[in-house]
């Protein structure tokens, strides 16, 4: 029964019904309103995607941080020590020498 779906004559019948219901004067106004609403919808979805991207990155980073396996404290301390932190740790702070 609905083998071909919408055929061209179906669209002509729908167009004729719309013209009869709303009249030819109202159709341009309706098209303008539809165009405005489509532009607003497009702008809002674009803004939503831009707002969603940084939040998704932050959520993904937080999820990775919590999903990381816990290392023993000695391993964490060994990884935290770098050559720059070693030299800074061996230097004496000025406040300690003057006090």
PDB file of N, CA and C in Angstrom:
ATOM      1  N   UNK A   1       0.828  -1.192   0.000  1.00  0.00           N
ATOM      2  CA  UNK A   1       0.000   0.000   0.000  1.00  0.00           C
ATOM      3  C   UNK A   1       0.870   1.252   0.000  1.00  0.00           C
ATOM      4  N   UNK A   2       1.826   1.383   0.933  1.00  0.00           N
ATOM      5  CA  UNK A   2       2.733   2.532   0.981  1.00  0.00           C
ATOM      6  C   UNK A   2       4.095   2.140   0.427  1.00  0.00           C
ATOM      7  N   UNK A   3       4.077   1.583  -0.751  1.00  0.00           N
ATOM      8  CA  UNK A   3       5.296   1.085  -1.344  1.00  0.00           C
ATOM      9  C   UNK A   3       6.238   2.220  -1.754  1.00  0.00           C
ATOM     10  N   UNK A   4       5.730   3.270  -2.334  1.00  0.00           N
ATOM     11  CA  UNK A   4       6.572   4.336  -2.867  1.00  0.00           C
ATOM     12  C   UNK A   4       6.666   5.555  -1.946  1.00  0.00           C
ATOM     13  N   UNK A   5       5.982   5.576  -0.867  1.00  0.00           N
ATOM     14  CA  UNK A   5       6.047   6.715   0.037  1.00  0.00           C
ATOM     15  C   UNK A   5       5.432   7.956  -0.587  1.00  0.00           C
ATOM     16  N   UNK A   6       6.148   9.054  -0.545  1.00  0.00           N
ATOM     17  CA  UNK A   6       5.642  10.310  -1.119  1.00  0.00           C
ATOM     18  C   UNK A   6       6.025  10.419  -2.588  1.00  0.00           C
ATOM     19  N   UNK A   7       5.036  10.633  -3.391  1.00  0.00           N
ATOM     20  CA  UNK A   7       5.257  10.862  -4.818  1.00  0.00           C
ATOM     21  C   UNK A   7       5.004  12.336  -5.095  1.00  0.00           C
ATOM     22  N   UNK A   8       5.409  12.836  -6.264  1.00  0.00           N
ATOM     23  CA  UNK A   8       5.226  14.263  -6.568  1.00  0.00           C
ATOM     24  C   UNK A   8       3.784  14.738  -6.469  1.00  0.00           C
ATOM     25  N   UNK A   9       2.824  13.931  -6.847  1.00  0.00           N
ATOM     26  CA  UNK A   9       1.436  14.387  -6.784  1.00  0.00           C
ATOM     27  C   UNK A   9       0.966  14.506  -5.336  1.00  0.00           C
ATOM     28  N   UNK A  10       1.577  13.736  -4.396  1.00  0.00           N
ATOM     29  CA  UNK A  10       1.249  13.889  -2.978  1.00  0.00           C
ATOM     30  C   UNK A  10       1.639  15.289  -2.494  1.00  0.00           C
ATOM     31  N   UNK A  11       2.825  15.709  -2.896  1.00  0.00           N
ATOM     32  CA  UNK A  11       3.301  17.037  -2.499  1.00  0.00           C
ATOM     33  C   UNK A  11       2.423  18.143  -3.074  1.00  0.00           C
ATOM     34  N   UNK A  12       1.929  17.970  -4.309  1.00  0.00           N
ATOM     35  CA  UNK A  12       1.033  18.969  -4.911  1.00  0.00           C
ATOM     36  C   UNK A  12      -0.282  19.057  -4.134  1.00  0.00           C
ATOM     37  N   UNK A  13      -0.810  17.933  -3.703  1.00  0.00           N
ATOM     38  CA  UNK A  13      -2.054  17.933  -2.932  1.00  0.00           C
ATOM     39  C   UNK A  13      -1.836  18.638  -1.597  1.00  0.00           C
ATOM     40  N   UNK A  14      -0.726  18.363  -0.923  1.00  0.00           N
ATOM     41  CA  UNK A  14      -0.435  19.009   0.356  1.00  0.00           C
ATOM     42  C   UNK A  14      -0.282  20.511   0.155  1.00  0.00           C
ATOM     43  N   UNK A  15       0.416  20.937  -0.891  1.00  0.00           N
ATOM     44  CA  UNK A  15       0.586  22.357  -1.190  1.00  0.00           C
ATOM     45  C   UNK A  15      -0.757  23.031  -1.464  1.00  0.00           C
ATOM     46  N   UNK A  16      -1.641  22.369  -2.208  1.00  0.00           N
ATOM     47  CA  UNK A  16      -2.957  22.936  -2.496  1.00  0.00           C
ATOM     48  C   UNK A  16      -3.785  23.093  -1.221  1.00  0.00           C
ATOM     49  N   UNK A  17      -3.704  22.126  -0.325  1.00  0.00           N
ATOM     50  CA  UNK A  17      -4.452  22.202   0.936  1.00  0.00           C
ATOM     51  C   UNK A  17      -3.926  23.341   1.789  1.00  0.00           C
ATOM     52  N   UNK A  18      -2.618  23.520   1.825  1.00  0.00           N
ATOM     53  CA  UNK A  18      -2.023  24.600   2.617  1.00  0.00           C
ATOM     54  C   UNK A  18      -2.447  25.955   2.069  1.00  0.00           C
ATOM     55  N   UNK A  19      -2.447  26.110   0.749  1.00  0.00           N
ATOM     56  CA  UNK A  19      -2.856  27.388   0.133  1.00  0.00           C
ATOM     57  C   UNK A  19      -4.330  27.654   0.422  1.00  0.00           C
ATOM     58  N   UNK A  20      -5.162  26.632   0.363  1.00  0.00           N
ATOM     59  CA  UNK A  20      -6.583  26.820   0.639  1.00  0.00           C
ATOM     60  C   UNK A  20      -6.832  27.174   2.102  1.00  0.00           C
ATOM     61  N   UNK A  21      -6.089  26.564   3.013  1.00  0.00           N
ATOM     62  CA  UNK A  21      -6.292  26.825   4.431  1.00  0.00           C
ATOM     63  C   UNK A  21      -5.790  28.203   4.854  1.00  0.00           C
ATOM     64  N   UNK A  22      -4.608  28.568   4.443  1.00  0.00           N
ATOM     65  CA  UNK A  22      -3.987  29.791   4.943  1.00  0.00           C
ATOM     66  C   UNK A  22      -4.085  30.972   3.982  1.00  0.00           C
ATOM     67  N   UNK A  23      -4.316  30.729   2.728  1.00  0.00           N
ATOM     68  CA  UNK A  23      -4.389  31.815   1.754  1.00  0.00           C
ATOM     69  C   UNK A  23      -2.999  32.189   1.256  1.00  0.00           C
ATOM     70  N   UNK A  24      -2.955  32.790   0.099  1.00  0.00           N
ATOM     71  CA  UNK A  24      -1.668  33.111  -0.528  1.00  0.00           C
ATOM     72  C   UNK A  24      -0.974  34.292   0.148  1.00  0.00           C
ATOM     73  N   UNK A  25      -1.715  35.126   0.881  1.00  0.00           N
ATOM     74  CA  UNK A  25      -1.105  36.280   1.543  1.00  0.00           C
ATOM     75  C   UNK A  25      -0.353  35.865   2.812  1.00  0.00           C
ATOM     76  N   UNK A  26      -0.814  34.837   3.489  1.00  0.00           N
ATOM     77  CA  UNK A  26      -0.193  34.401   4.730  1.00  0.00           C
ATOM     78  C   UNK A  26       1.055  33.540   4.507  1.00  0.00           C
ATOM     79  N   UNK A  27       1.179  32.905   3.352  1.00  0.00           N
ATOM     80  CA  UNK A  27       2.286  31.986   3.114  1.00  0.00           C
ATOM     81  C   UNK A  27       3.663  32.663   3.197  1.00  0.00           C
ATOM     82  N   UNK A  28       3.885  33.844   2.598  1.00  0.00           N
ATOM     83  CA  UNK A  28       5.204  34.480   2.742  1.00  0.00           C
ATOM     84  C   UNK A  28       5.537  34.828   4.195  1.00  0.00           C
ATOM     85  N   UNK A  29       4.540  35.263   4.954  1.00  0.00           N
ATOM     86  CA  UNK A  29       4.767  35.574   6.369  1.00  0.00           C
ATOM     87  C   UNK A  29       5.156  34.308   7.140  1.00  0.00           C
ATOM     88  N   UNK A  30       4.477  33.205   6.834  1.00  0.00           N
ATOM     89  CA  UNK A  30       4.796  31.950   7.493  1.00  0.00           C
ATOM     90  C   UNK A  30       6.199  31.473   7.116  1.00  0.00           C
ATOM     91  N   UNK A  31       6.578  31.655   5.866  1.00  0.00           N
ATOM     92  CA  UNK A  31       7.916  31.246   5.426  1.00  0.00           C
ATOM     93  C   UNK A  31       8.985  32.077   6.125  1.00  0.00           C
ATOM     94  N   UNK A  32       8.745  33.386   6.288  1.00  0.00           N
ATOM     95  CA  UNK A  32       9.696  34.245   7.011  1.00  0.00           C
ATOM     96  C   UNK A  32       9.832  33.808   8.462  1.00  0.00           C
ATOM     97  N   UNK A  33       8.715  33.535   9.085  1.00  0.00           N
ATOM     98  CA  UNK A  33       8.735  33.075  10.477  1.00  0.00           C
ATOM     99  C   UNK A  33       9.473  31.750  10.623  1.00  0.00           C
ATOM    100  N   UNK A  34       9.250  30.856   9.668  1.00  0.00           N
ATOM    101  CA  UNK A  34       9.942  29.571   9.697  1.00  0.00           C
ATOM    102  C   UNK A  34      11.446  29.773   9.507  1.00  0.00           C
ATOM    103  N   UNK A  35      11.819  30.673   8.598  1.00  0.00           N
ATOM    104  CA  UNK A  35      13.239  30.965   8.367  1.00  0.00           C
ATOM    105  C   UNK A  35      13.907  31.548   9.603  1.00  0.00           C
ATOM    106  N   UNK A  36      13.220  32.481  10.276  1.00  0.00           N
ATOM    107  CA  UNK A  36      13.762  33.078  11.503  1.00  0.00           C
ATOM    108  C   UNK A  36      13.953  32.021  12.585  1.00  0.00           C
ATOM    109  N   UNK A  37      12.956  31.183  12.755  1.00  0.00           N
ATOM    110  CA  UNK A  37      13.051  30.169  13.795  1.00  0.00           C
ATOM    111  C   UNK A  37      14.156  29.161  13.484  1.00  0.00           C
ATOM    112  N   UNK A  38      14.367  28.849  12.215  1.00  0.00           N
ATOM    113  CA  UNK A  38      15.449  27.939  11.845  1.00  0.00           C
ATOM    114  C   UNK A  38      16.813  28.573  12.113  1.00  0.00           C
ATOM    115  N   UNK A  39      16.963  29.880  11.850  1.00  0.00           N
ATOM    116  CA  UNK A  39      18.228  30.569  12.142  1.00  0.00           C
ATOM    117  C   UNK A  39      18.490  30.607  13.637  1.00  0.00           C
ATOM    118  N   UNK A  40      17.461  30.875  14.419  1.00  0.00           N
ATOM    119  CA  UNK A  40      17.614  30.907  15.876  1.00  0.00           C
ATOM    120  C   UNK A  40      18.001  29.527  16.390  1.00  0.00           C
ATOM    121  N   UNK A  41      17.337  28.489  15.892  1.00  0.00           N
ATOM    122  CA  UNK A  41      17.644  27.129  16.304  1.00  0.00           C
ATOM    123  C   UNK A  41      19.083  26.759  15.961  1.00  0.00           C
ATOM    124  N   UNK A  42      19.524  27.135  14.771  1.00  0.00           N
ATOM    125  CA  UNK A  42      20.891  26.841  14.350  1.00  0.00           C
ATOM    126  C   UNK A  42      21.901  27.560  15.240  1.00  0.00           C
ATOM    127  N   UNK A  43      21.648  28.827  15.559  1.00  0.00           N
ATOM    128  CA  UNK A  43      22.561  29.588  16.411  1.00  0.00           C
ATOM    129  C   UNK A  43      22.614  29.012  17.818  1.00  0.00           C
ATOM    130  N   UNK A  44      21.474  28.613  18.350  1.00  0.00           N
ATOM    131  CA  UNK A  44      21.438  28.059  19.698  1.00  0.00           C
ATOM    132  C   UNK A  44      22.135  26.711  19.773  1.00  0.00           C
ATOM    133  N   UNK A  45      21.946  25.855  18.777  1.00  0.00           N
ATOM    134  CA  UNK A  45      22.626  24.560  18.795  1.00  0.00           C
ATOM    135  C   UNK A  45      24.128  24.735  18.652  1.00  0.00           C
ATOM    136  N   UNK A  46      24.564  25.716  17.862  1.00  0.00           N
ATOM    137  CA  UNK A  46      25.992  25.990  17.721  1.00  0.00           C
ATOM    138  C   UNK A  46      26.565  26.470  19.054  1.00  0.00           C
ATOM    139  N   UNK A  47      25.855  27.362  19.739  1.00  0.00           N
ATOM    140  CA  UNK A  47      26.314  27.861  21.038  1.00  0.00           C
ATOM    141  C   UNK A  47      26.338  26.731  22.068  1.00  0.00           C
ATOM    142  N   UNK A  48      25.368  25.851  22.012  1.00  0.00           N
ATOM    143  CA  UNK A  48      25.325  24.727  22.933  1.00  0.00           C
ATOM    144  C   UNK A  48      26.502  23.793  22.712  1.00  0.00           C
ATOM    145  N   UNK A  49      26.840  23.526  21.456  1.00  0.00           N
ATOM    146  CA  UNK A  49      27.990  22.674  21.156  1.00  0.00           C
ATOM    147  C   UNK A  49      29.283  23.309  21.637  1.00  0.00           C
ATOM    148  N   UNK A  50      29.422  24.633  21.467  1.00  0.00           N
ATOM    149  CA  UNK A  50      30.634  25.315  21.913  1.00  0.00           C
ATOM    150  C   UNK A  50      30.736  25.300  23.430  1.00  0.00           C
ATOM    151  N   UNK A  51      29.616  25.431  24.125  1.00  0.00           N
ATOM    152  CA  UNK A  51      29.619  25.390  25.589  1.00  0.00           C
ATOM    153  C   UNK A  51      29.870  23.972  26.085  1.00  0.00           C
ATOM    154  N   UNK A  52      29.403  22.995  25.332  1.00  0.00           N
ATOM    155  CA  UNK A  52      29.501  21.608  25.749  1.00  0.00           C
ATOM    156  C   UNK A  52      30.916  21.066  25.585  1.00  0.00           C
ATOM    157  N   UNK A  53      31.666  21.564  24.600  1.00  0.00           N
ATOM    158  CA  UNK A  53      33.006  21.040  24.325  1.00  0.00           C
ATOM    159  C   UNK A  53      33.957  21.236  25.504  1.00  0.00           C
ATOM    160  N   UNK A  54      34.099  22.440  26.091  1.00  0.00           N
ATOM    161  CA  UNK A  54      35.006  22.566  27.248  1.00  0.00           C
ATOM    162  C   UNK A  54      34.530  21.755  28.456  1.00  0.00           C
ATOM    163  N   UNK A  55      33.253  21.672  28.658  1.00  0.00           N
ATOM    164  CA  UNK A  55      32.733  20.901  29.785  1.00  0.00           C
ATOM    165  C   UNK A  55      33.011  19.415  29.576  1.00  0.00           C
ATOM    166  N   UNK A  56      32.901  18.945  28.348  1.00  0.00           N
ATOM    167  CA  UNK A  56      33.171  17.535  28.065  1.00  0.00           C
ATOM    168  C   UNK A  56      34.650  17.238  28.246  1.00  0.00           C
ATOM    169  N   UNK A  57      35.530  18.165  27.846  1.00  0.00           N
ATOM    170  CA  UNK A  57      36.958  17.966  28.038  1.00  0.00           C
ATOM    171  C   UNK A  57      37.301  17.903  29.516  1.00  0.00           C
ATOM    172  N   UNK A  58      36.713  18.780  30.312  1.00  0.00           N
ATOM    173  CA  UNK A  58      36.970  18.782  31.750  1.00  0.00           C
ATOM    174  C   UNK A  58      36.445  17.500  32.393  1.00  0.00           C
ATOM    175  N   UNK A  59      35.276  17.066  31.979  1.00  0.00           N
ATOM    176  CA  UNK A  59      34.701  15.843  32.534  1.00  0.00           C
ATOM    177  C   UNK A  59      35.537  14.638  32.138  1.00  0.00           C
ATOM    178  N   UNK A  60      36.052  14.638  30.926  1.00  0.00           N
ATOM    179  CA  UNK A  60      36.877  13.528  30.471  1.00  0.00           C
ATOM    180  C   UNK A  60      38.192  13.493  31.254  1.00  0.00           C
ATOM    181  N   UNK A  61      38.776  14.659  31.505  1.00  0.00           N
ATOM    182  CA  UNK A  61      40.006  14.724  32.294  1.00  0.00           C
ATOM    183  C   UNK A  61      39.780  14.256  33.716  1.00  0.00           C
ATOM    184  N   UNK A  62      38.654  14.628  34.296  1.00  0.00           N
ATOM    185  CA  UNK A  62      38.335  14.194  35.661  1.00  0.00           C
ATOM    186  C   UNK A  62      38.098  12.693  35.696  1.00  0.00           C
ATOM    187  N   UNK A  63      37.450  12.163  34.678  1.00  0.00           N
ATOM    188  CA  UNK A  63      37.189  10.730  34.624  1.00  0.00           C
ATOM    189  C   UNK A  63      38.496   9.957  34.477  1.00  0.00           C
ATOM    190  N   UNK A  64      39.425  10.483  33.694  1.00  0.00           N
ATOM    191  CA  UNK A  64      40.713   9.812  33.540  1.00  0.00           C
ATOM    192  C   UNK A  64      41.507   9.870  34.837  1.00  0.00           C
ATOM    193  N   UNK A  65      41.411  10.970  35.559  1.00  0.00           N
ATOM    194  CA  UNK A  65      42.149  11.107  36.808  1.00  0.00           C
ATOM    195  C   UNK A  65      41.629  10.124  37.851  1.00  0.00           C
ATOM    196  N   UNK A  66      40.326   9.930  37.898  1.00  0.00           N
ATOM    197  CA  UNK A  66      39.774   9.001  38.887  1.00  0.00           C
ATOM    198  C   UNK A  66      39.931   7.560  38.437  1.00  0.00           C
ATOM    199  N   UNK A  67      40.016   7.327  37.139  1.00  0.00           N
ATOM    200  CA  UNK A  67      40.146   5.971  36.629  1.00  0.00           C
ATOM    201  C   UNK A  67      41.594   5.497  36.621  1.00  0.00           C
ATOM    202  N   UNK A  68      42.559   6.379  36.849  1.00  0.00           N
ATOM    203  CA  UNK A  68      43.966   5.993  36.847  1.00  0.00           C
ATOM    204  C   UNK A  68      44.239   5.086  38.041  1.00  0.00           C
ATOM    205  N   UNK A  69      45.012   4.027  37.826  1.00  0.00           N
ATOM    206  CA  UNK A  69      45.310   3.129  38.948  1.00  0.00           C
ATOM    207  C   UNK A  69      46.160   3.854  39.982  1.00  0.00           C
ATOM    208  N   UNK A  70      45.908   3.549  41.239  1.00  0.00           N
ATOM    209  CA  UNK A  70      46.630   4.193  42.326  1.00  0.00           C
ATOM    210  C   UNK A  70      48.016   3.572  42.441  1.00  0.00           C
ATOM    211  N   UNK A  71      49.041   4.430  42.458  1.00  0.00           N
ATOM    212  CA  UNK A  71      50.412   3.974  42.598  1.00  0.00           C
ATOM    213  C   UNK A  71      50.821   4.070  44.054  1.00  0.00           C
ATOM    214  N   UNK A  72      51.759   3.252  44.467  1.00  0.00           N
ATOM    215  CA  UNK A  72      52.264   3.383  45.829  1.00  0.00           C
ATOM    216  C   UNK A  72      52.899   4.748  46.031  1.00  0.00           C
ATOM    217  N   UNK A  73      52.953   5.207  47.282  1.00  0.00           N
ATOM    218  CA  UNK A  73      53.462   6.540  47.597  1.00  0.00           C
ATOM    219  C   UNK A  73      54.915   6.698  47.185  1.00  0.00           C
ATOM    220  N   UNK A  74      55.711   5.649  47.284  1.00  0.00           N
ATOM    221  CA  UNK A  74      57.124   5.742  46.900  1.00  0.00           C
ATOM    222  C   UNK A  74      57.256   5.989  45.408  1.00  0.00           C
ATOM    223  N   UNK A  75      56.432   5.322  44.605  1.00  0.00           N
ATOM    224  CA  UNK A  75      56.473   5.540  43.161  1.00  0.00           C
ATOM    225  C   UNK A  75      56.048   6.958  42.811  1.00  0.00           C
ATOM    226  N   UNK A  76      55.026   7.453  43.491  1.00  0.00           N
ATOM    227  CA  UNK A  76      54.565   8.818  43.224  1.00  0.00           C
ATOM    228  C   UNK A  76      55.646   9.821  43.577  1.00  0.00           C
ATOM    229  N   UNK A  77      56.343   9.626  44.698  1.00  0.00           N
ATOM    230  CA  UNK A  77      57.400  10.549  45.104  1.00  0.00           C
ATOM    231  C   UNK A  77      58.559  10.492  44.136  1.00  0.00           C
ATOM    232  N   UNK A  78      58.895   9.299  43.649  1.00  0.00           N
ATOM    233  CA  UNK A  78      59.990   9.155  42.706  1.00  0.00           C
ATOM    234  C   UNK A  78      59.674   9.869  41.395  1.00  0.00           C
ATOM    235  N   UNK A  79      58.421   9.790  40.945  1.00  0.00           N
ATOM    236  CA  UNK A  79      58.029  10.457  39.716  1.00  0.00           C
ATOM    237  C   UNK A  79      57.949  11.961  39.903  1.00  0.00           C
ATOM    238  N   UNK A  80      57.643  12.417  41.101  1.00  0.00           N
ATOM    239  CA  UNK A  80      57.486  13.844  41.350  1.00  0.00           C
ATOM    240  C   UNK A  80      58.833  14.557  41.406  1.00  0.00           C
ATOM    241  N   UNK A  81      59.918  13.847  41.737  1.00  0.00           N
ATOM    242  CA  UNK A  81      61.229  14.472  41.858  1.00  0.00           C
ATOM    243  C   UNK A  81      61.830  14.617  40.473  1.00  0.00           C
ATOM    244  N   UNK A  82      62.126  15.838  40.114  1.00  0.00           N
ATOM    245  CA  UNK A  82      62.781  16.140  38.847  1.00  0.00           C
ATOM    246  C   UNK A  82      64.082  16.845  39.159  1.00  0.00           C
ATOM    247  N   UNK A  83      65.000  16.975  38.189  1.00  0.00           N
ATOM    248  CA  UNK A  83      66.270  17.658  38.453  1.00  0.00           C
ATOM    249  C   UNK A  83      66.085  19.077  38.977  1.00  0.00           C
ATOM    250  N   UNK A  84      65.079  19.792  38.517  1.00  0.00           N
ATOM    251  CA  UNK A  84      64.893  21.156  38.995  1.00  0.00           C
ATOM    252  C   UNK A  84      64.411  21.176  40.438  1.00  0.00           C
ATOM    253  N   UNK A  85      63.584  20.192  40.815  1.00  0.00           N
ATOM    254  CA  UNK A  85      63.125  20.179  42.205  1.00  0.00           C
ATOM    255  C   UNK A  85      64.226  19.726  43.142  1.00  0.00           C
ATOM    256  N   UNK A  86      65.149  18.896  42.650  1.00  0.00           N
ATOM    257  CA  UNK A  86      66.251  18.458  43.490  1.00  0.00           C
ATOM    258  C   UNK A  86      67.164  19.632  43.795  1.00  0.00           C
ATOM    259  N   UNK A  87      67.489  20.456  42.800  1.00  0.00           N
ATOM    260  CA  UNK A  87      68.381  21.590  43.043  1.00  0.00           C
ATOM    261  C   UNK A  87      67.705  22.613  43.946  1.00  0.00           C
ATOM    262  N   UNK A  88      66.426  22.800  43.794  1.00  0.00           N
ATOM    263  CA  UNK A  88      65.722  23.748  44.647  1.00  0.00           C
ATOM    264  C   UNK A  88      65.628  23.240  46.072  1.00  0.00           C
ATOM    265  N   UNK A  89      65.507  21.931  46.240  1.00  0.00           N
ATOM    266  CA  UNK A  89      65.390  21.368  47.576  1.00  0.00           C
ATOM    267  C   UNK A  89      66.717  21.457  48.328  1.00  0.00           C
ATOM    268  N   UNK A  90      67.832  21.406  47.608  1.00  0.00           N
ATOM    269  CA  UNK A  90      69.128  21.462  48.277  1.00  0.00           C
ATOM    270  C   UNK A  90      69.538  22.885  48.620  1.00  0.00           C
ATOM    271  N   UNK A  91      68.958  23.867  47.958  1.00  0.00           N
ATOM    272  CA  UNK A  91      69.272  25.255  48.274  1.00  0.00           C
ATOM    273  C   UNK A  91      68.612  25.640  49.589  1.00  0.00           C
ATOM    274  N   UNK A  92      69.257  26.472  50.341  1.00  0.00           N
ATOM    275  CA  UNK A  92      68.654  26.941  51.584  1.00  0.00           C
ATOM    276  C   UNK A  92      67.900  28.216  51.314  1.00  0.00           C
ATOM    277  N   UNK A  93      66.711  28.333  51.818  1.00  0.00           N
ATOM    278  CA  UNK A  93      65.943  29.544  51.613  1.00  0.00           C
ATOM    279  C   UNK A  93      66.607  30.727  52.344  1.00  0.00           C
ATOM    280  N   UNK A  94      66.455  31.905  51.793  1.00  0.00           N
ATOM    281  CA  UNK A  94      67.067  33.101  52.378  1.00  0.00           C
ATOM    282  C   UNK A  94      66.503  33.393  53.756  1.00  0.00           C
ATOM    283  N   UNK A  95      65.257  33.135  53.964  1.00  0.00           N
ATOM    284  CA  UNK A  95      64.667  33.427  55.257  1.00  0.00           C
ATOM    285  C   UNK A  95      65.240  32.551  56.349  1.00  0.00           C
ATOM    286  N   UNK A  96      65.659  31.342  56.001  1.00  0.00           N
ATOM    287  CA  UNK A  96      66.228  30.431  57.001  1.00  0.00           C
ATOM    288  C   UNK A  96      67.626  30.885  57.411  1.00  0.00           C
ATOM    289  N   UNK A  97      68.404  31.471  56.484  1.00  0.00           N
ATOM    290  CA  UNK A  97      69.766  31.892  56.806  1.00  0.00           C
ATOM    291  C   UNK A  97      69.782  33.198  57.579  1.00  0.00           C
ATOM    292  N   UNK A  98      68.802  34.045  57.362  1.00  0.00           N
ATOM    293  CA  UNK A  98      68.777  35.336  58.051  1.00  0.00           C
ATOM    294  C   UNK A  98      68.131  35.244  59.417  1.00  0.00           C
ATOM    295  N   UNK A  99      67.404  34.205  59.668  1.00  0.00           N
ATOM    296  CA  UNK A  99      66.689  34.119  60.940  1.00  0.00           C
ATOM    297  C   UNK A  99      67.518  33.621  62.065  1.00  0.00           C
TER     298      UNK A  99
END
